[in-house]
Amino acid sequence: MNLQKEITKLISHLAWTFAKTMPEIPHEYVVIDDYPDKSDEIKMFVREIDSNGYIKPFYDKEYKYLEIAGYKYWVIENIINRAKIEE
């Protein structure tokens, strides 16, 4: 299986939670530690974001984003975030 398919499969198996504390910036997240059984796949996904993502400022910080199937993904500490890409 190729990397893109593995990532897409992983994304579909994670339970994304809407970030209620930031309704003005709608996005969802998963806590990496909640998925010890998917540790290898998640590490691979985080590496892919780090290796092939693009850097974009967000307020006074910069994050690396990776776009997949209409969403952008980024990592903050032990959380993977995603938001729909606005057209």
N, C-alpha and C. Protein backbone atom coordinates (compact mmCIF):
# COMPACT_ATOMS: atom_id res chain seq x y z
N MET A 1 0.86 -1.18 0.00
CA MET A 1 0.00 0.00 0.00
C MET A 1 0.90 1.24 0.00
N ASN A 2 0.51 2.23 -0.81
CA ASN A 2 1.36 3.43 -0.84
C ASN A 2 1.06 4.35 0.34
N LEU A 3 1.96 5.28 0.56
CA LEU A 3 1.89 6.15 1.74
C LEU A 3 0.59 6.96 1.78
N GLN A 4 0.21 7.53 0.64
CA GLN A 4 -1.02 8.35 0.60
C GLN A 4 -2.24 7.52 1.01
N LYS A 5 -2.32 6.29 0.54
CA LYS A 5 -3.45 5.42 0.90
C LYS A 5 -3.41 5.06 2.39
N GLU A 6 -2.22 4.81 2.91
CA GLU A 6 -2.09 4.50 4.34
C GLU A 6 -2.54 5.67 5.21
N ILE A 7 -2.14 6.87 4.82
CA ILE A 7 -2.53 8.06 5.57
C ILE A 7 -4.04 8.27 5.48
N THR A 8 -4.60 8.14 4.30
CA THR A 8 -6.04 8.31 4.12
C THR A 8 -6.82 7.29 4.95
N LYS A 9 -6.33 6.07 4.99
CA LYS A 9 -6.98 5.03 5.80
C LYS A 9 -6.89 5.39 7.28
N LEU A 10 -5.71 5.81 7.74
CA LEU A 10 -5.54 6.21 9.14
C LEU A 10 -6.50 7.34 9.50
N ILE A 11 -6.54 8.37 8.68
CA ILE A 11 -7.40 9.53 8.94
C ILE A 11 -8.86 9.10 9.12
N SER A 12 -9.29 8.16 8.30
CA SER A 12 -10.69 7.72 8.37
C SER A 12 -10.99 6.89 9.62
N HIS A 13 -9.96 6.35 10.26
CA HIS A 13 -10.15 5.53 11.45
C HIS A 13 -9.97 6.29 12.77
N LEU A 14 -9.64 7.57 12.67
CA LEU A 14 -9.48 8.37 13.88
C LEU A 14 -10.80 9.09 14.20
N ALA A 15 -11.09 9.24 15.48
CA ALA A 15 -12.30 9.93 15.93
C ALA A 15 -11.96 11.40 16.14
N TRP A 16 -12.29 12.22 15.18
CA TRP A 16 -11.98 13.65 15.22
C TRP A 16 -12.99 14.37 16.11
N THR A 17 -12.49 15.27 16.96
CA THR A 17 -13.32 16.03 17.89
C THR A 17 -13.31 17.50 17.49
N PHE A 18 -14.49 18.10 17.42
CA PHE A 18 -14.57 19.53 17.10
C PHE A 18 -13.99 20.33 18.27
N ALA A 19 -13.16 21.31 17.96
CA ALA A 19 -12.52 22.15 18.98
C ALA A 19 -13.51 23.23 19.44
N LYS A 20 -14.29 22.91 20.45
CA LYS A 20 -15.35 23.81 20.94
C LYS A 20 -14.80 25.10 21.54
N THR A 21 -13.57 25.05 22.03
CA THR A 21 -13.00 26.24 22.68
C THR A 21 -12.57 27.30 21.67
N MET A 22 -12.56 26.95 20.40
CA MET A 22 -12.14 27.91 19.37
C MET A 22 -13.15 27.94 18.21
N PRO A 23 -14.42 28.26 18.49
CA PRO A 23 -15.42 28.23 17.41
C PRO A 23 -15.14 29.23 16.30
N GLU A 24 -14.38 30.29 16.61
CA GLU A 24 -14.05 31.28 15.59
C GLU A 24 -13.00 30.76 14.60
N ILE A 25 -12.34 29.67 14.96
CA ILE A 25 -11.37 29.01 14.08
C ILE A 25 -11.78 27.54 14.02
N PRO A 26 -12.80 27.23 13.23
CA PRO A 26 -13.33 25.86 13.24
C PRO A 26 -12.29 24.83 12.77
N HIS A 27 -12.07 23.85 13.63
CA HIS A 27 -11.18 22.75 13.30
C HIS A 27 -11.48 21.58 14.22
N GLU A 28 -10.88 20.45 13.88
CA GLU A 28 -11.03 19.23 14.67
C GLU A 28 -9.65 18.76 15.08
N TYR A 29 -9.62 17.85 16.06
CA TYR A 29 -8.33 17.35 16.53
C TYR A 29 -8.46 15.92 17.04
N VAL A 30 -7.31 15.27 17.14
CA VAL A 30 -7.17 13.99 17.84
C VAL A 30 -5.95 14.08 18.73
N VAL A 31 -6.04 13.46 19.88
CA VAL A 31 -4.90 13.40 20.80
C VAL A 31 -4.13 12.12 20.46
N ILE A 32 -2.89 12.28 20.10
CA ILE A 32 -2.07 11.15 19.65
C ILE A 32 -2.03 10.05 20.71
N ASP A 33 -1.91 10.42 21.98
CA ASP A 33 -1.80 9.42 23.05
C ASP A 33 -3.06 8.55 23.20
N ASP A 34 -4.17 8.98 22.61
CA ASP A 34 -5.40 8.19 22.68
C ASP A 34 -5.38 6.99 21.74
N TYR A 35 -4.34 6.86 20.93
CA TYR A 35 -4.26 5.79 19.92
C TYR A 35 -2.96 5.00 20.02
N PRO A 36 -2.69 4.37 21.16
CA PRO A 36 -1.44 3.61 21.27
C PRO A 36 -1.37 2.45 20.27
N ASP A 37 -2.52 1.94 19.87
CA ASP A 37 -2.55 0.83 18.91
C ASP A 37 -2.23 1.29 17.49
N LYS A 38 -2.24 2.58 17.24
CA LYS A 38 -1.94 3.13 15.92
C LYS A 38 -0.67 3.98 15.95
N SER A 39 0.16 3.74 16.94
CA SER A 39 1.35 4.56 17.15
C SER A 39 2.25 4.63 15.92
N ASP A 40 2.52 3.50 15.28
CA ASP A 40 3.41 3.50 14.11
C ASP A 40 2.82 4.30 12.96
N GLU A 41 1.51 4.11 12.71
CA GLU A 41 0.86 4.82 11.61
C GLU A 41 0.82 6.32 11.88
N ILE A 42 0.55 6.69 13.13
CA ILE A 42 0.50 8.11 13.49
C ILE A 42 1.89 8.74 13.37
N LYS A 43 2.92 8.05 13.82
CA LYS A 43 4.29 8.57 13.67
C LYS A 43 4.61 8.79 12.20
N MET A 44 4.19 7.87 11.34
CA MET A 44 4.42 8.00 9.90
C MET A 44 3.69 9.23 9.36
N PHE A 45 2.46 9.46 9.80
CA PHE A 45 1.68 10.62 9.37
C PHE A 45 2.35 11.92 9.84
N VAL A 46 2.78 11.97 11.09
CA VAL A 46 3.45 13.15 11.63
C VAL A 46 4.74 13.42 10.85
N ARG A 47 5.49 12.38 10.54
CA ARG A 47 6.72 12.54 9.73
C ARG A 47 6.39 13.10 8.35
N GLU A 48 5.30 12.64 7.76
CA GLU A 48 4.89 13.11 6.44
C GLU A 48 4.53 14.60 6.49
N ILE A 49 3.81 15.01 7.52
CA ILE A 49 3.50 16.44 7.69
C ILE A 49 4.79 17.24 7.81
N ASP A 50 5.71 16.74 8.64
CA ASP A 50 6.97 17.44 8.86
C ASP A 50 7.84 17.48 7.60
N SER A 51 7.87 16.39 6.85
CA SER A 51 8.74 16.30 5.68
C SER A 51 8.19 17.02 4.46
N ASN A 52 6.87 16.95 4.26
CA ASN A 52 6.29 17.45 3.01
C ASN A 52 5.28 18.57 3.18
N GLY A 53 5.12 19.05 4.40
CA GLY A 53 4.19 20.15 4.63
C GLY A 53 4.81 21.49 4.28
N TYR A 54 3.97 22.50 4.34
CA TYR A 54 4.43 23.87 4.09
C TYR A 54 4.25 24.69 5.37
N ILE A 55 5.13 25.65 5.56
CA ILE A 55 5.10 26.48 6.77
C ILE A 55 4.22 27.70 6.51
N LYS A 56 3.37 27.97 7.51
CA LYS A 56 2.49 29.13 7.41
C LYS A 56 2.35 29.74 8.81
N PRO A 57 2.41 31.06 8.91
CA PRO A 57 2.25 31.68 10.22
C PRO A 57 0.80 31.61 10.71
N PHE A 58 0.67 31.49 12.01
CA PHE A 58 -0.64 31.54 12.68
C PHE A 58 -0.43 32.39 13.91
N TYR A 59 -0.96 33.59 13.88
CA TYR A 59 -0.69 34.59 14.92
C TYR A 59 0.83 34.73 15.07
N ASP A 60 1.37 34.51 16.25
CA ASP A 60 2.81 34.75 16.44
C ASP A 60 3.64 33.47 16.33
N LYS A 61 3.05 32.39 15.80
CA LYS A 61 3.78 31.13 15.64
C LYS A 61 3.74 30.69 14.18
N GLU A 62 4.54 29.70 13.87
CA GLU A 62 4.51 29.09 12.54
C GLU A 62 4.27 27.61 12.72
N TYR A 63 3.45 27.06 11.84
CA TYR A 63 3.17 25.63 11.85
C TYR A 63 3.38 25.08 10.46
N LYS A 64 3.58 23.78 10.41
CA LYS A 64 3.74 23.10 9.14
C LYS A 64 2.44 22.38 8.83
N TYR A 65 1.89 22.63 7.64
CA TYR A 65 0.61 22.08 7.22
C TYR A 65 0.79 21.13 6.05
N LEU A 66 -0.06 20.11 6.02
CA LEU A 66 -0.10 19.18 4.89
C LEU A 66 -1.55 19.07 4.46
N GLU A 67 -1.80 19.23 3.16
CA GLU A 67 -3.15 19.17 2.63
C GLU A 67 -3.45 17.79 2.06
N ILE A 68 -4.59 17.24 2.49
CA ILE A 68 -5.02 15.93 2.02
C ILE A 68 -6.54 15.96 1.90
N ALA A 69 -7.04 15.66 0.72
CA ALA A 69 -8.47 15.45 0.48
C ALA A 69 -9.36 16.55 1.08
N GLY A 70 -9.02 17.81 0.82
CA GLY A 70 -9.86 18.91 1.23
C GLY A 70 -9.64 19.41 2.65
N TYR A 71 -8.66 18.85 3.36
CA TYR A 71 -8.33 19.28 4.72
C TYR A 71 -6.86 19.64 4.79
N LYS A 72 -6.53 20.55 5.72
CA LYS A 72 -5.13 20.79 6.05
C LYS A 72 -4.90 20.24 7.45
N TYR A 73 -3.76 19.59 7.63
CA TYR A 73 -3.41 18.94 8.90
C TYR A 73 -2.15 19.58 9.45
N TRP A 74 -2.08 19.73 10.78
CA TRP A 74 -0.89 20.23 11.45
C TRP A 74 -0.82 19.63 12.85
N VAL A 75 0.38 19.67 13.42
CA VAL A 75 0.62 19.04 14.71
C VAL A 75 1.06 20.10 15.71
N ILE A 76 0.47 20.04 16.91
CA ILE A 76 0.90 20.87 18.03
C ILE A 76 1.09 19.91 19.20
N GLU A 77 2.34 19.74 19.59
CA GLU A 77 2.71 18.82 20.67
C GLU A 77 2.18 17.42 20.37
N ASN A 78 1.22 16.93 21.18
CA ASN A 78 0.73 15.56 20.94
C ASN A 78 -0.68 15.57 20.35
N ILE A 79 -0.98 16.60 19.58
CA ILE A 79 -2.31 16.72 18.96
C ILE A 79 -2.15 16.93 17.46
N ILE A 80 -2.94 16.17 16.70
CA ILE A 80 -3.04 16.39 15.25
C ILE A 80 -4.33 17.16 15.03
N ASN A 81 -4.23 18.28 14.36
CA ASN A 81 -5.37 19.13 14.06
C ASN A 81 -5.69 19.04 12.58
N ARG A 82 -6.97 19.34 12.25
CA ARG A 82 -7.33 19.46 10.84
C ARG A 82 -8.44 20.48 10.69
N ALA A 83 -8.42 21.15 9.54
CA ALA A 83 -9.46 22.11 9.20
C ALA A 83 -9.76 21.98 7.72
N LYS A 84 -11.00 22.22 7.36
CA LYS A 84 -11.37 22.20 5.94
C LYS A 84 -10.63 23.33 5.24
N ILE A 85 -10.19 23.05 4.04
CA ILE A 85 -9.52 24.06 3.25
C ILE A 85 -10.60 24.93 2.63
N GLU A 86 -10.51 26.21 2.89
CA GLU A 86 -11.50 27.15 2.35
C GLU A 86 -11.13 27.51 0.93
N GLU A 87 -12.12 27.52 0.08
CA GLU A 87 -11.85 27.83 -1.33
C GLU A 87 -12.09 29.26 -1.66
